[in-house]
Amino acid sequence: MKSAGMVKAGRDLVGWSQADLSAKSGLSLPTIQRMENPAFGPLRSSGANIEKIRIAFATAGVTFTSDGTRECVCYDAPLEQSEKA
């Protein structure tokens, strides 16, 4: 994830508040707020913090991809119990 908007988009896809992402990633709320602030963004954070966010999102089915020209936020919604059978 390269931009503040991508972090927010990931949260929006799974319906998380900033506080939810803070709890799920183990990062402080001010850190999440800075990562979503366009003046700072995630790339101004440490690699360890970015990895914590990535893991929290991946656990919920959100991934971030890049092909050099596009930056994408993807969501693989969990299957409903009836769809698994």
Protein backbone atom coordinates (compact mmCIF):
# COMPACT_ATOMS: atom_id res chain seq x y z
CA MET A 1 0.00 0.00 0.00
CA LYS A 2 1.53 3.21 -1.16
CA SER A 3 -0.98 5.91 -0.28
CA ALA A 4 -3.14 7.15 2.56
CA GLY A 5 -6.19 6.54 0.38
CA MET A 6 -5.32 2.87 -0.01
CA VAL A 7 -5.30 2.36 3.76
CA LYS A 8 -8.70 4.03 4.05
CA ALA A 9 -10.06 2.05 1.08
CA GLY A 10 -8.96 -1.18 2.75
CA ARG A 11 -10.80 -0.20 5.93
CA ASP A 12 -13.90 0.76 3.99
CA LEU A 13 -14.00 -2.61 2.22
CA VAL A 14 -14.22 -4.50 5.52
CA GLY A 15 -16.21 -1.88 7.44
CA TRP A 16 -13.51 -1.09 9.98
CA SER A 17 -13.06 2.17 11.83
CA GLN A 18 -9.58 3.52 12.45
CA ALA A 19 -9.90 2.17 16.00
CA ASP A 20 -10.72 -1.29 14.60
CA LEU A 21 -7.61 -1.26 12.40
CA SER A 22 -5.58 -0.05 15.35
CA ALA A 23 -6.77 -2.98 17.49
CA LYS A 24 -6.37 -5.58 14.73
CA SER A 25 -2.88 -4.42 13.76
CA GLY A 26 -1.56 -3.68 17.24
CA LEU A 27 -0.65 -0.13 16.22
CA SER A 28 -1.72 3.00 18.03
CA LEU A 29 -4.66 5.04 16.79
CA PRO A 30 -2.41 8.08 16.12
CA THR A 31 -0.21 5.87 13.92
CA ILE A 32 -3.24 4.77 11.88
CA GLN A 33 -4.38 8.38 11.62
CA ARG A 34 -0.95 9.46 10.34
CA MET A 35 -0.92 6.63 7.80
CA GLU A 36 -4.28 7.86 6.47
CA ASN A 37 -3.20 11.50 6.40
CA PRO A 38 -2.15 12.42 2.83
CA ALA A 39 0.59 14.64 4.25
CA PHE A 40 2.24 11.53 5.73
CA GLY A 41 0.83 8.31 4.29
CA PRO A 42 2.00 4.76 4.97
CA LEU A 43 5.34 5.15 3.22
CA ARG A 44 6.50 7.57 5.92
CA SER A 45 5.88 4.84 8.50
CA SER A 46 8.31 2.04 9.36
CA GLY A 47 8.43 -1.17 7.37
CA ALA A 48 7.38 -3.06 10.50
CA ASN A 49 4.24 -0.90 10.85
CA ILE A 50 3.34 -1.37 7.19
CA GLU A 51 3.73 -5.13 7.61
CA LYS A 52 1.43 -5.13 10.66
CA ILE A 53 -1.23 -3.30 8.64
CA ARG A 54 -0.76 -5.65 5.69
CA ILE A 55 -1.20 -8.72 7.89
CA ALA A 56 -4.31 -7.31 9.58
CA PHE A 57 -5.88 -6.57 6.18
CA ALA A 58 -4.82 -9.93 4.68
CA THR A 59 -6.49 -11.75 7.57
CA ALA A 60 -9.74 -9.99 6.60
CA GLY A 61 -9.32 -10.74 2.87
CA VAL A 62 -7.89 -7.38 1.76
CA THR A 63 -4.75 -7.31 -0.38
CA PHE A 64 -2.82 -4.57 -2.13
CA THR A 65 -1.33 -5.11 -5.57
CA SER A 66 0.70 -3.08 -8.03
CA ASP A 67 1.62 -3.71 -11.65
CA GLY A 68 3.78 -0.65 -12.07
CA THR A 69 1.02 1.51 -13.54
CA ARG A 70 -1.89 0.70 -11.24
CA GLU A 71 -2.20 0.43 -7.48
CA CYS A 72 -5.14 -1.76 -6.46
CA VAL A 73 -6.94 -2.64 -3.25
CA CYS A 74 -8.65 -6.04 -3.57
CA TYR A 75 -11.17 -7.76 -1.32
CA ASP A 76 -11.90 -11.47 -1.30
CA ALA A 77 -15.13 -11.68 0.67
CA PRO A 78 -15.39 -14.79 2.83
CA LEU A 79 -17.74 -17.44 1.55
CA GLU A 80 -21.02 -17.79 3.36
CA GLN A 81 -21.44 -21.12 5.16
CA SER A 82 -23.98 -22.30 2.54
CA GLU A 83 -21.53 -21.50 -0.29
CA LYS A 84 -18.79 -23.66 1.26
CA ALA A 85 -20.82 -26.86 1.05
